[in-house]
PDB file of all heavy atoms in Angstrom:
ATOM      1  N   ARG A   1       7.724   6.271 -11.273  1.00  0.00           N
ATOM      2  CA  ARG A   1       6.519   7.096 -11.349  1.00  0.00           C
ATOM      3  C   ARG A   1       6.661   8.369 -10.518  1.00  0.00           C
ATOM      4  O   ARG A   1       6.325   9.465 -10.972  1.00  0.00           O
ATOM      5  CB  ARG A   1       5.311   6.279 -10.867  1.00  0.00           C
ATOM      6  CG  ARG A   1       3.966   7.037 -10.946  1.00  0.00           C
ATOM      7  CD  ARG A   1       3.637   7.519 -12.358  1.00  0.00           C
ATOM      8  NE  ARG A   1       3.631   6.415 -13.307  1.00  0.00           N
ATOM      9  CZ  ARG A   1       2.561   5.676 -13.581  1.00  0.00           C
ATOM     10  NH1 ARG A   1       1.411   5.918 -12.968  1.00  0.00           N
ATOM     11  NH2 ARG A   1       2.645   4.721 -14.473  1.00  0.00           N
ATOM     12  N   VAL A   2       7.168   8.226  -9.307  1.00  0.00           N
ATOM     13  CA  VAL A   2       7.351   9.390  -8.430  1.00  0.00           C
ATOM     14  C   VAL A   2       8.273  10.416  -9.069  1.00  0.00           C
ATOM     15  O   VAL A   2       8.005  11.634  -9.036  1.00  0.00           O
ATOM     16  CB  VAL A   2       7.921   8.946  -7.064  1.00  0.00           C
ATOM     17  CG1 VAL A   2       8.364  10.155  -6.235  1.00  0.00           C
ATOM     18  CG2 VAL A   2       6.894   8.127  -6.300  1.00  0.00           C
ATOM     19  N   ASN A   3       9.342   9.959  -9.702  1.00  0.00           N
ATOM     20  CA  ASN A   3      10.356  10.857 -10.249  1.00  0.00           C
ATOM     21  C   ASN A   3       9.935  11.552 -11.537  1.00  0.00           C
ATOM     22  O   ASN A   3      10.673  12.388 -12.058  1.00  0.00           O
ATOM     23  CB  ASN A   3      11.668  10.098 -10.463  1.00  0.00           C
ATOM     24  CG  ASN A   3      12.330   9.714  -9.156  1.00  0.00           C
ATOM     25  OD1 ASN A   3      12.140  10.374  -8.138  1.00  0.00           O
ATOM     26  ND2 ASN A   3      13.096   8.627  -9.161  1.00  0.00           N
ATOM     27  N   LEU A   4       8.756  11.239 -12.022  1.00  0.00           N
ATOM     28  CA  LEU A   4       8.213  11.969 -13.175  1.00  0.00           C
ATOM     29  C   LEU A   4       7.749  13.371 -12.778  1.00  0.00           C
ATOM     30  O   LEU A   4       7.592  14.238 -13.634  1.00  0.00           O
ATOM     31  CB  LEU A   4       7.020  11.214 -13.785  1.00  0.00           C
ATOM     32  CG  LEU A   4       7.321   9.913 -14.535  1.00  0.00           C
ATOM     33  CD1 LEU A   4       6.012   9.260 -14.959  1.00  0.00           C
ATOM     34  CD2 LEU A   4       8.207  10.177 -15.752  1.00  0.00           C
ATOM     35  N   PHE A   5       7.586  13.585 -11.499  1.00  0.00           N
ATOM     36  CA  PHE A   5       7.004  14.828 -11.005  1.00  0.00           C
ATOM     37  C   PHE A   5       8.078  15.752 -10.426  1.00  0.00           C
ATOM     38  O   PHE A   5       9.187  15.308 -10.112  1.00  0.00           O
ATOM     39  CB  PHE A   5       5.937  14.504  -9.945  1.00  0.00           C
ATOM     40  CG  PHE A   5       4.736  13.810 -10.515  1.00  0.00           C
ATOM     41  CD1 PHE A   5       4.742  12.436 -10.712  1.00  0.00           C
ATOM     42  CD2 PHE A   5       3.610  14.528 -10.895  1.00  0.00           C
ATOM     43  CE1 PHE A   5       3.648  11.791 -11.257  1.00  0.00           C
ATOM     44  CE2 PHE A   5       2.513  13.896 -11.439  1.00  0.00           C
ATOM     45  CZ  PHE A   5       2.533  12.519 -11.632  1.00  0.00           C
ATOM     46  N   PRO A   6       7.781  17.038 -10.287  1.00  0.00           N
ATOM     47  CA  PRO A   6       8.751  17.992  -9.717  1.00  0.00           C
ATOM     48  C   PRO A   6       9.211  17.562  -8.328  1.00  0.00           C
ATOM     49  O   PRO A   6       8.458  16.933  -7.579  1.00  0.00           O
ATOM     50  CB  PRO A   6       7.952  19.305  -9.648  1.00  0.00           C
ATOM     51  CG  PRO A   6       6.912  19.164 -10.724  1.00  0.00           C
ATOM     52  CD  PRO A   6       6.534  17.710 -10.716  1.00  0.00           C
ATOM     53  N   LYS A   7      10.450  17.903  -7.986  1.00  0.00           N
ATOM     54  CA  LYS A   7      11.045  17.464  -6.724  1.00  0.00           C
ATOM     55  C   LYS A   7      10.198  17.823  -5.508  1.00  0.00           C
ATOM     56  O   LYS A   7      10.092  17.033  -4.564  1.00  0.00           O
ATOM     57  CB  LYS A   7      12.450  18.056  -6.572  1.00  0.00           C
ATOM     58  CG  LYS A   7      13.500  17.384  -7.458  1.00  0.00           C
ATOM     59  CD  LYS A   7      14.881  17.914  -7.155  1.00  0.00           C
ATOM     60  CE  LYS A   7      15.940  17.197  -7.997  1.00  0.00           C
ATOM     61  NZ  LYS A   7      17.308  17.681  -7.703  1.00  0.00           N
ATOM     62  N   LYS A   8       9.595  18.996  -5.518  1.00  0.00           N
ATOM     63  CA  LYS A   8       8.845  19.423  -4.340  1.00  0.00           C
ATOM     64  C   LYS A   8       7.580  18.592  -4.118  1.00  0.00           C
ATOM     65  O   LYS A   8       7.003  18.613  -3.025  1.00  0.00           O
ATOM     66  CB  LYS A   8       8.486  20.910  -4.446  1.00  0.00           C
ATOM     67  CG  LYS A   8       7.537  21.259  -5.581  1.00  0.00           C
ATOM     68  CD  LYS A   8       7.239  22.745  -5.589  1.00  0.00           C
ATOM     69  CE  LYS A   8       6.263  23.127  -6.712  1.00  0.00           C
ATOM     70  NZ  LYS A   8       5.976  24.578  -6.703  1.00  0.00           N
ATOM     71  N   GLN A   9       7.145  17.867  -5.125  1.00  0.00           N
ATOM     72  CA  GLN A   9       5.947  17.040  -5.001  1.00  0.00           C
ATOM     73  C   GLN A   9       6.264  15.574  -4.703  1.00  0.00           C
ATOM     74  O   GLN A   9       5.370  14.793  -4.369  1.00  0.00           O
ATOM     75  CB  GLN A   9       5.128  17.110  -6.296  1.00  0.00           C
ATOM     76  CG  GLN A   9       4.610  18.487  -6.638  1.00  0.00           C
ATOM     77  CD  GLN A   9       3.859  18.491  -7.973  1.00  0.00           C
ATOM     78  OE1 GLN A   9       3.552  17.454  -8.536  1.00  0.00           O
ATOM     79  NE2 GLN A   9       3.565  19.683  -8.467  1.00  0.00           N
ATOM     80  N   ARG A  10       7.512  15.191  -4.810  1.00  0.00           N
ATOM     81  CA  ARG A  10       7.845  13.765  -4.778  1.00  0.00           C
ATOM     82  C   ARG A  10       7.606  13.098  -3.432  1.00  0.00           C
ATOM     83  O   ARG A  10       7.139  11.958  -3.376  1.00  0.00           O
ATOM     84  CB  ARG A  10       9.295  13.568  -5.231  1.00  0.00           C
ATOM     85  CG  ARG A  10       9.487  13.854  -6.703  1.00  0.00           C
ATOM     86  CD  ARG A  10      10.948  13.728  -7.132  1.00  0.00           C
ATOM     87  NE  ARG A  10      11.112  14.191  -8.514  1.00  0.00           N
ATOM     88  CZ  ARG A  10      12.283  14.318  -9.118  1.00  0.00           C
ATOM     89  NH1 ARG A  10      13.399  14.011  -8.463  1.00  0.00           N
ATOM     90  NH2 ARG A  10      12.344  14.766 -10.364  1.00  0.00           N
ATOM     91  N   ALA A  11       7.929  13.769  -2.344  1.00  0.00           N
ATOM     92  CA  ALA A  11       7.727  13.154  -1.032  1.00  0.00           C
ATOM     93  C   ALA A  11       6.248  12.863  -0.795  1.00  0.00           C
ATOM     94  O   ALA A  11       5.882  11.769  -0.343  1.00  0.00           O
ATOM     95  CB  ALA A  11       8.276  14.053   0.071  1.00  0.00           C
ATOM     96  N   GLY A  12       5.404  13.823  -1.113  1.00  0.00           N
ATOM     97  CA  GLY A  12       3.964  13.632  -0.946  1.00  0.00           C
ATOM     98  C   GLY A  12       3.419  12.531  -1.834  1.00  0.00           C
ATOM     99  O   GLY A  12       2.588  11.719  -1.409  1.00  0.00           O
ATOM    100  N   LEU A  13       3.892  12.484  -3.074  1.00  0.00           N
ATOM    101  CA  LEU A  13       3.452  11.438  -3.999  1.00  0.00           C
ATOM    102  C   LEU A  13       3.921  10.066  -3.551  1.00  0.00           C
ATOM    103  O   LEU A  13       3.177   9.083  -3.619  1.00  0.00           O
ATOM    104  CB  LEU A  13       3.964  11.735  -5.409  1.00  0.00           C
ATOM    105  CG  LEU A  13       3.189  12.777  -6.207  1.00  0.00           C
ATOM    106  CD1 LEU A  13       3.956  13.161  -7.462  1.00  0.00           C
ATOM    107  CD2 LEU A  13       1.809  12.255  -6.573  1.00  0.00           C
ATOM    108  N   SER A  14       5.158   9.997  -3.092  1.00  0.00           N
ATOM    109  CA  SER A  14       5.690   8.731  -2.616  1.00  0.00           C
ATOM    110  C   SER A  14       4.867   8.225  -1.435  1.00  0.00           C
ATOM    111  O   SER A  14       4.569   7.025  -1.338  1.00  0.00           O
ATOM    112  CB  SER A  14       7.157   8.894  -2.208  1.00  0.00           C
ATOM    113  OG  SER A  14       7.729   7.652  -1.867  1.00  0.00           O
ATOM    114  N   TYR A  15       4.482   9.129  -0.556  1.00  0.00           N
ATOM    115  CA  TYR A  15       3.665   8.752   0.594  1.00  0.00           C
ATOM    116  C   TYR A  15       2.306   8.218   0.142  1.00  0.00           C
ATOM    117  O   TYR A  15       1.876   7.140   0.563  1.00  0.00           O
ATOM    118  CB  TYR A  15       3.472   9.953   1.515  1.00  0.00           C
ATOM    119  CG  TYR A  15       2.645   9.643   2.739  1.00  0.00           C
ATOM    120  CD1 TYR A  15       3.213   8.957   3.809  1.00  0.00           C
ATOM    121  CD2 TYR A  15       1.316  10.029   2.816  1.00  0.00           C
ATOM    122  CE1 TYR A  15       2.453   8.654   4.933  1.00  0.00           C
ATOM    123  CE2 TYR A  15       0.552   9.729   3.936  1.00  0.00           C
ATOM    124  CZ  TYR A  15       1.122   9.042   4.987  1.00  0.00           C
ATOM    125  OH  TYR A  15       0.369   8.731   6.095  1.00  0.00           O
ATOM    126  N   SER A  16       1.639   8.949  -0.730  1.00  0.00           N
ATOM    127  CA  SER A  16       0.307   8.543  -1.180  1.00  0.00           C
ATOM    128  C   SER A  16       0.342   7.217  -1.935  1.00  0.00           C
ATOM    129  O   SER A  16      -0.506   6.340  -1.725  1.00  0.00           O
ATOM    130  CB  SER A  16      -0.304   9.630  -2.069  1.00  0.00           C
ATOM    131  OG  SER A  16      -0.521  10.822  -1.338  1.00  0.00           O
ATOM    132  N   ILE A  17       1.329   7.067  -2.821  1.00  0.00           N
ATOM    133  CA  ILE A  17       1.449   5.815  -3.578  1.00  0.00           C
ATOM    134  C   ILE A  17       1.762   4.657  -2.639  1.00  0.00           C
ATOM    135  O   ILE A  17       1.162   3.584  -2.740  1.00  0.00           O
ATOM    136  CB  ILE A  17       2.527   5.939  -4.670  1.00  0.00           C
ATOM    137  CG1 ILE A  17       2.043   6.887  -5.782  1.00  0.00           C
ATOM    138  CG2 ILE A  17       2.868   4.571  -5.259  1.00  0.00           C
ATOM    139  CD1 ILE A  17       3.115   7.238  -6.805  1.00  0.00           C
ATOM    140  N   SER A  18       2.683   4.878  -1.718  1.00  0.00           N
ATOM    141  CA  SER A  18       3.070   3.794  -0.799  1.00  0.00           C
ATOM    142  C   SER A  18       1.885   3.352   0.046  1.00  0.00           C
ATOM    143  O   SER A  18       1.712   2.146   0.309  1.00  0.00           O
ATOM    144  CB  SER A  18       4.239   4.227   0.087  1.00  0.00           C
ATOM    145  OG  SER A  18       3.869   5.239   1.008  1.00  0.00           O
ATOM    146  N   LYS A  19       1.056   4.287   0.470  1.00  0.00           N
ATOM    147  CA  LYS A  19      -0.071   3.935   1.319  1.00  0.00           C
ATOM    148  C   LYS A  19      -1.215   3.303   0.509  1.00  0.00           C
ATOM    149  O   LYS A  19      -1.936   2.434   1.020  1.00  0.00           O
ATOM    150  CB  LYS A  19      -0.561   5.162   2.082  1.00  0.00           C
ATOM    151  CG  LYS A  19       0.430   5.651   3.140  1.00  0.00           C
ATOM    152  CD  LYS A  19       0.712   4.576   4.190  1.00  0.00           C
ATOM    153  CE  LYS A  19       1.539   5.084   5.352  1.00  0.00           C
ATOM    154  NZ  LYS A  19       1.781   4.061   6.389  1.00  0.00           N
ATOM    155  N   ASN A  20      -1.377   3.728  -0.724  1.00  0.00           N
ATOM    156  CA  ASN A  20      -2.344   3.049  -1.592  1.00  0.00           C
ATOM    157  C   ASN A  20      -1.915   1.602  -1.797  1.00  0.00           C
ATOM    158  O   ASN A  20      -2.734   0.678  -1.779  1.00  0.00           O
ATOM    159  CB  ASN A  20      -2.444   3.776  -2.934  1.00  0.00           C
ATOM    160  CG  ASN A  20      -3.461   3.138  -3.863  1.00  0.00           C
ATOM    161  OD1 ASN A  20      -3.149   2.192  -4.588  1.00  0.00           O
ATOM    162  ND2 ASN A  20      -4.675   3.637  -3.856  1.00  0.00           N
ATOM    163  N   PHE A  21      -0.612   1.418  -1.975  1.00  0.00           N
ATOM    164  CA  PHE A  21      -0.069   0.071  -2.137  1.00  0.00           C
ATOM    165  C   PHE A  21      -0.316  -0.779  -0.895  1.00  0.00           C
ATOM    166  O   PHE A  21      -0.662  -1.962  -1.004  1.00  0.00           O
ATOM    167  CB  PHE A  21       1.434   0.127  -2.429  1.00  0.00           C
ATOM    168  CG  PHE A  21       2.103  -1.208  -2.282  1.00  0.00           C
ATOM    169  CD1 PHE A  21       1.959  -2.182  -3.255  1.00  0.00           C
ATOM    170  CD2 PHE A  21       2.847  -1.497  -1.140  1.00  0.00           C
ATOM    171  CE1 PHE A  21       2.544  -3.437  -3.097  1.00  0.00           C
ATOM    172  CE2 PHE A  21       3.441  -2.739  -0.983  1.00  0.00           C
ATOM    173  CZ  PHE A  21       3.281  -3.718  -1.965  1.00  0.00           C
ATOM    174  N   VAL A  22      -0.143  -0.209   0.289  1.00  0.00           N
ATOM    175  CA  VAL A  22      -0.322  -0.969   1.525  1.00  0.00           C
ATOM    176  C   VAL A  22      -1.716  -1.588   1.589  1.00  0.00           C
ATOM    177  O   VAL A  22      -1.868  -2.771   1.923  1.00  0.00           O
ATOM    178  CB  VAL A  22      -0.067  -0.087   2.763  1.00  0.00           C
ATOM    179  CG1 VAL A  22      -0.537  -0.781   4.045  1.00  0.00           C
ATOM    180  CG2 VAL A  22       1.411   0.252   2.875  1.00  0.00           C
ATOM    181  N   SER A  23      -2.744  -0.806   1.262  1.00  0.00           N
ATOM    182  CA  SER A  23      -4.098  -1.351   1.311  1.00  0.00           C
ATOM    183  C   SER A  23      -4.303  -2.398   0.220  1.00  0.00           C
ATOM    184  O   SER A  23      -4.924  -3.445   0.447  1.00  0.00           O
ATOM    185  CB  SER A  23      -5.142  -0.230   1.200  1.00  0.00           C
ATOM    186  OG  SER A  23      -5.003   0.492   0.001  1.00  0.00           O
ATOM    187  N   TRP A  24      -3.769  -2.155  -0.987  1.00  0.00           N
ATOM    188  CA  TRP A  24      -3.866  -3.126  -2.093  1.00  0.00           C
ATOM    189  C   TRP A  24      -3.177  -4.430  -1.714  1.00  0.00           C
ATOM    190  O   TRP A  24      -3.736  -5.521  -1.891  1.00  0.00           O
ATOM    191  CB  TRP A  24      -3.220  -2.534  -3.343  1.00  0.00           C
ATOM    192  CG  TRP A  24      -3.209  -3.437  -4.546  1.00  0.00           C
ATOM    193  CD1 TRP A  24      -4.144  -3.502  -5.542  1.00  0.00           C
ATOM    194  CD2 TRP A  24      -2.201  -4.416  -4.884  1.00  0.00           C
ATOM    195  NE1 TRP A  24      -3.794  -4.450  -6.473  1.00  0.00           N
ATOM    196  CE2 TRP A  24      -2.608  -5.031  -6.099  1.00  0.00           C
ATOM    197  CE3 TRP A  24      -1.016  -4.829  -4.292  1.00  0.00           C
ATOM    198  CZ2 TRP A  24      -1.850  -6.030  -6.728  1.00  0.00           C
ATOM    199  CZ3 TRP A  24      -0.266  -5.837  -4.900  1.00  0.00           C
ATOM    200  CH2 TRP A  24      -0.685  -6.422  -6.107  1.00  0.00           C
ATOM    201  N   TYR A  25      -1.982  -4.335  -1.200  1.00  0.00           N
ATOM    202  CA  TYR A  25      -1.165  -5.497  -0.872  1.00  0.00           C
ATOM    203  C   TYR A  25      -1.795  -6.320   0.243  1.00  0.00           C
ATOM    204  O   TYR A  25      -1.763  -7.560   0.221  1.00  0.00           O
ATOM    205  CB  TYR A  25       0.228  -5.019  -0.476  1.00  0.00           C
ATOM    206  CG  TYR A  25       1.221  -6.095  -0.149  1.00  0.00           C
ATOM    207  CD1 TYR A  25       1.702  -6.955  -1.128  1.00  0.00           C
ATOM    208  CD2 TYR A  25       1.706  -6.235   1.152  1.00  0.00           C
ATOM    209  CE1 TYR A  25       2.645  -7.939  -0.823  1.00  0.00           C
ATOM    210  CE2 TYR A  25       2.643  -7.202   1.465  1.00  0.00           C
ATOM    211  CZ  TYR A  25       3.100  -8.048   0.471  1.00  0.00           C
ATOM    212  OH  TYR A  25       4.028  -9.013   0.778  1.00  0.00           O
ATOM    213  N   SER A  26      -2.370  -5.639   1.219  1.00  0.00           N
ATOM    214  CA  SER A  26      -3.018  -6.343   2.323  1.00  0.00           C
ATOM    215  C   SER A  26      -4.213  -7.150   1.818  1.00  0.00           C
ATOM    216  O   SER A  26      -4.439  -8.286   2.260  1.00  0.00           O
ATOM    217  CB  SER A  26      -3.463  -5.341   3.395  1.00  0.00           C
ATOM    218  OG  SER A  26      -2.345  -4.635   3.924  1.00  0.00           O
ATOM    219  N   LYS A  27      -4.954  -6.578   0.894  1.00  0.00           N
ATOM    220  CA  LYS A  27      -6.091  -7.307   0.308  1.00  0.00           C
ATOM    221  C   LYS A  27      -5.611  -8.514  -0.490  1.00  0.00           C
ATOM    222  O   LYS A  27      -6.164  -9.615  -0.382  1.00  0.00           O
ATOM    223  CB  LYS A  27      -6.895  -6.367  -0.592  1.00  0.00           C
ATOM    224  CG  LYS A  27      -7.607  -5.250   0.144  1.00  0.00           C
ATOM    225  CD  LYS A  27      -8.255  -4.278  -0.832  1.00  0.00           C
ATOM    226  CE  LYS A  27      -8.869  -3.096  -0.101  1.00  0.00           C
ATOM    227  NZ  LYS A  27      -9.453  -2.096  -1.049  1.00  0.00           N
ATOM    228  N   LYS A  28      -4.587  -8.316  -1.304  1.00  0.00           N
ATOM    229  CA  LYS A  28      -4.090  -9.387  -2.168  1.00  0.00           C
ATOM    230  C   LYS A  28      -3.417 -10.512  -1.378  1.00  0.00           C
ATOM    231  O   LYS A  28      -3.265 -11.623  -1.902  1.00  0.00           O
ATOM    232  CB  LYS A  28      -3.109  -8.815  -3.195  1.00  0.00           C
ATOM    233  CG  LYS A  28      -3.736  -7.870  -4.208  1.00  0.00           C
ATOM    234  CD  LYS A  28      -4.756  -8.578  -5.090  1.00  0.00           C
ATOM    235  CE  LYS A  28      -5.326  -7.649  -6.149  1.00  0.00           C
ATOM    236  NZ  LYS A  28      -6.327  -8.333  -7.005  1.00  0.00           N
ATOM    237  N   SER A  29      -3.025 -10.240  -0.149  1.00  0.00           N
ATOM    238  CA  SER A  29      -2.353 -11.245   0.673  1.00  0.00           C
ATOM    239  C   SER A  29      -3.328 -12.056   1.516  1.00  0.00           C
ATOM    240  O   SER A  29      -2.923 -13.003   2.197  1.00  0.00           O
ATOM    241  CB  SER A  29      -1.329 -10.573   1.601  1.00  0.00           C
ATOM    242  OG  SER A  29      -0.332  -9.897   0.855  1.00  0.00           O
ATOM    243  N   ALA A  30      -4.606 -11.712   1.467  1.00  0.00           N
ATOM    244  CA  ALA A  30      -5.588 -12.340   2.355  1.00  0.00           C
ATOM    245  C   ALA A  30      -5.697 -13.843   2.142  1.00  0.00           C
ATOM    246  O   ALA A  30      -5.828 -14.605   3.110  1.00  0.00           O
ATOM    247  CB  ALA A  30      -6.950 -11.677   2.175  1.00  0.00           C
ATOM    248  N   ALA A  31      -5.656 -14.289   0.893  1.00  0.00           N
ATOM    249  CA  ALA A  31      -5.811 -15.719   0.624  1.00  0.00           C
ATOM    250  C   ALA A  31      -4.654 -16.523   1.216  1.00  0.00           C
ATOM    251  O   ALA A  31      -4.858 -17.619   1.752  1.00  0.00           O
ATOM    252  CB  ALA A  31      -5.906 -15.961  -0.878  1.00  0.00           C
ATOM    253  N   GLN A  32      -3.437 -15.988   1.117  1.00  0.00           N
ATOM    254  CA  GLN A  32      -2.283 -16.677   1.682  1.00  0.00           C
ATOM    255  C   GLN A  32      -2.411 -16.814   3.196  1.00  0.00           C
ATOM    256  O   GLN A  32      -2.090 -17.856   3.772  1.00  0.00           O
ATOM    257  CB  GLN A  32      -0.993 -15.928   1.333  1.00  0.00           C
ATOM    258  CG  GLN A  32      -0.629 -15.967  -0.138  1.00  0.00           C
ATOM    259  CD  GLN A  32       0.617 -15.127  -0.412  1.00  0.00           C
ATOM    260  OE1 GLN A  32       0.591 -13.902  -0.339  1.00  0.00           O
ATOM    261  NE2 GLN A  32       1.711 -15.800  -0.718  1.00  0.00           N
ATOM    262  N   PHE A  33      -2.872 -15.759   3.848  1.00  0.00           N
ATOM    263  CA  PHE A  33      -3.074 -15.820   5.293  1.00  0.00           C
ATOM    264  C   PHE A  33      -4.231 -16.751   5.631  1.00  0.00           C
ATOM    265  O   PHE A  33      -4.166 -17.518   6.598  1.00  0.00           O
ATOM    266  CB  PHE A  33      -3.328 -14.415   5.850  1.00  0.00           C
ATOM    267  CG  PHE A  33      -2.072 -13.645   6.140  1.00  0.00           C
ATOM    268  CD1 PHE A  33      -1.353 -13.056   5.111  1.00  0.00           C
ATOM    269  CD2 PHE A  33      -1.598 -13.510   7.433  1.00  0.00           C
ATOM    270  CE1 PHE A  33      -0.180 -12.351   5.363  1.00  0.00           C
ATOM    271  CE2 PHE A  33      -0.432 -12.815   7.697  1.00  0.00           C
ATOM    272  CZ  PHE A  33       0.285 -12.231   6.664  1.00  0.00           C
ATOM    273  N   GLY A  34      -5.285 -16.676   4.842  1.00  0.00           N
ATOM    274  CA  GLY A  34      -6.444 -17.524   5.088  1.00  0.00           C
ATOM    275  C   GLY A  34      -6.111 -19.001   5.010  1.00  0.00           C
ATOM    276  O   GLY A  34      -6.700 -19.819   5.732  1.00  0.00           O
ATOM    277  N   ALA A  35      -5.172 -19.354   4.149  1.00  0.00           N
ATOM    278  CA  ALA A  35      -4.757 -20.755   4.024  1.00  0.00           C
ATOM    279  C   ALA A  35      -4.160 -21.277   5.327  1.00  0.00           C
ATOM    280  O   ALA A  35      -4.114 -22.492   5.553  1.00  0.00           O
ATOM    281  CB  ALA A  35      -3.756 -20.901   2.886  1.00  0.00           C
ATOM    282  N   LYS A  36      -3.710 -20.360   6.174  1.00  0.00           N
ATOM    283  CA  LYS A  36      -3.146 -20.742   7.475  1.00  0.00           C
ATOM    284  C   LYS A  36      -4.123 -20.476   8.613  1.00  0.00           C
ATOM    285  O   LYS A  36      -3.761 -20.576   9.784  1.00  0.00           O
ATOM    286  CB  LYS A  36      -1.847 -19.977   7.719  1.00  0.00           C
ATOM    287  CG  LYS A  36      -0.713 -20.394   6.777  1.00  0.00           C
ATOM    288  CD  LYS A  36       0.604 -19.858   7.283  1.00  0.00           C
ATOM    289  CE  LYS A  36       1.775 -20.519   6.571  1.00  0.00           C
ATOM    290  NZ  LYS A  36       3.055 -20.183   7.194  1.00  0.00           N
ATOM    291  N   GLY A  37      -5.342 -20.086   8.253  1.00  0.00           N
ATOM    292  CA  GLY A  37      -6.321 -19.766   9.275  1.00  0.00           C
ATOM    293  C   GLY A  37      -6.084 -18.420   9.924  1.00  0.00           C
ATOM    294  O   GLY A  37      -6.626 -18.122  10.994  1.00  0.00           O
ATOM    295  N   ALA A  38      -5.267 -17.598   9.278  1.00  0.00           N
ATOM    296  CA  ALA A  38      -4.899 -16.285   9.812  1.00  0.00           C
ATOM    297  C   ALA A  38      -5.561 -15.172   9.002  1.00  0.00           C
ATOM    298  O   ALA A  38      -6.163 -15.414   7.955  1.00  0.00           O
ATOM    299  CB  ALA A  38      -3.378 -16.120   9.797  1.00  0.00           C
ATOM    300  N   ARG A  39      -5.422 -13.941   9.487  1.00  0.00           N
ATOM    301  CA  ARG A  39      -6.056 -12.802   8.833  1.00  0.00           C
ATOM    302  C   ARG A  39      -5.044 -11.689   8.565  1.00  0.00           C
ATOM    303  O   ARG A  39      -4.022 -11.593   9.236  1.00  0.00           O
ATOM    304  CB  ARG A  39      -7.173 -12.225   9.711  1.00  0.00           C
ATOM    305  CG  ARG A  39      -8.311 -13.169   9.983  1.00  0.00           C
ATOM    306  CD  ARG A  39      -9.432 -12.489  10.754  1.00  0.00           C
ATOM    307  NE  ARG A  39      -9.029 -12.101  12.107  1.00  0.00           N
ATOM    308  CZ  ARG A  39      -9.090 -10.865  12.599  1.00  0.00           C
ATOM    309  NH1 ARG A  39      -9.501  -9.855  11.839  1.00  0.00           N
ATOM    310  NH2 ARG A  39      -8.721 -10.602  13.836  1.00  0.00           N
ATOM    311  N   ILE A  40      -5.376 -10.851   7.594  1.00  0.00           N
ATOM    312  CA  ILE A  40      -4.614  -9.637   7.315  1.00  0.00           C
ATOM    313  C   ILE A  40      -5.585  -8.570   6.838  1.00  0.00           C
ATOM    314  O   ILE A  40      -6.509  -8.846   6.069  1.00  0.00           O
ATOM    315  CB  ILE A  40      -3.508  -9.882   6.262  1.00  0.00           C
ATOM    316  CG1 ILE A  40      -2.726  -8.585   5.987  1.00  0.00           C
ATOM    317  CG2 ILE A  40      -4.074 -10.460   4.981  1.00  0.00           C
ATOM    318  CD1 ILE A  40      -1.517  -8.768   5.072  1.00  0.00           C
ATOM    319  N   LEU A  41      -5.391  -7.351   7.297  1.00  0.00           N
ATOM    320  CA  LEU A  41      -6.193  -6.222   6.830  1.00  0.00           C
ATOM    321  C   LEU A  41      -5.402  -4.945   7.055  1.00  0.00           C
ATOM    322  O   LEU A  41      -4.356  -4.959   7.700  1.00  0.00           O
ATOM    323  CB  LEU A  41      -7.532  -6.164   7.567  1.00  0.00           C
ATOM    324  CG  LEU A  41      -7.464  -6.009   9.081  1.00  0.00           C
ATOM    325  CD1 LEU A  41      -8.144  -4.725   9.520  1.00  0.00           C
ATOM    326  CD2 LEU A  41      -8.117  -7.207   9.759  1.00  0.00           C
ATOM    327  N   SER A  42      -5.914  -3.875   6.496  1.00  0.00           N
ATOM    328  CA  SER A  42      -5.270  -2.572   6.708  1.00  0.00           C
ATOM    329  C   SER A  42      -6.296  -1.580   7.217  1.00  0.00           C
ATOM    330  O   SER A  42      -7.503  -1.753   7.049  1.00  0.00           O
ATOM    331  CB  SER A  42      -4.630  -2.052   5.413  1.00  0.00           C
ATOM    332  OG  SER A  42      -5.588  -1.917   4.387  1.00  0.00           O
ATOM    333  N   ILE A  43      -5.791  -0.552   7.853  1.00  0.00           N
ATOM    334  CA  ILE A  43      -6.610   0.548   8.360  1.00  0.00           C
ATOM    335  C   ILE A  43      -6.013   1.840   7.836  1.00  0.00           C
ATOM    336  O   ILE A  43      -4.795   2.025   7.856  1.00  0.00           O
ATOM    337  CB  ILE A  43      -6.650   0.540   9.897  1.00  0.00           C
ATOM    338  CG1 ILE A  43      -7.417  -0.690  10.397  1.00  0.00           C
ATOM    339  CG2 ILE A  43      -7.289   1.818  10.437  1.00  0.00           C
ATOM    340  CD1 ILE A  43      -7.402  -0.868  11.906  1.00  0.00           C
ATOM    341  N   SER A  44      -6.870   2.722   7.335  1.00  0.00           N
ATOM    342  CA  SER A  44      -6.416   3.988   6.749  1.00  0.00           C
ATOM    343  C   SER A  44      -6.835   5.163   7.624  1.00  0.00           C
ATOM    344  O   SER A  44      -7.977   5.634   7.560  1.00  0.00           O
ATOM    345  CB  SER A  44      -6.990   4.163   5.336  1.00  0.00           C
ATOM    346  OG  SER A  44      -6.364   3.300   4.429  1.00  0.00           O
ATOM    347  N   PRO A  45      -5.916   5.655   8.460  1.00  0.00           N
ATOM    348  CA  PRO A  45      -6.229   6.809   9.305  1.00  0.00           C
ATOM    349  C   PRO A  45      -6.293   8.102   8.492  1.00  0.00           C
ATOM    350  O   PRO A  45      -5.653   8.243   7.439  1.00  0.00           O
ATOM    351  CB  PRO A  45      -5.056   6.866  10.286  1.00  0.00           C
ATOM    352  CG  PRO A  45      -4.322   5.575  10.107  1.00  0.00           C
ATOM    353  CD  PRO A  45      -4.567   5.148   8.703  1.00  0.00           C
TER     354      PRO A  45
END
């Protein structure tokens, strides 16, 4: 997906996509952590 865009935009796109993924992944992992009585969350500065 990143490589569909011009080279000068790729670093910024990779950053934005990777960070969107981090919040998505942290949410989707909550049940696995909860099964152990543990927690997971993300913070977006």
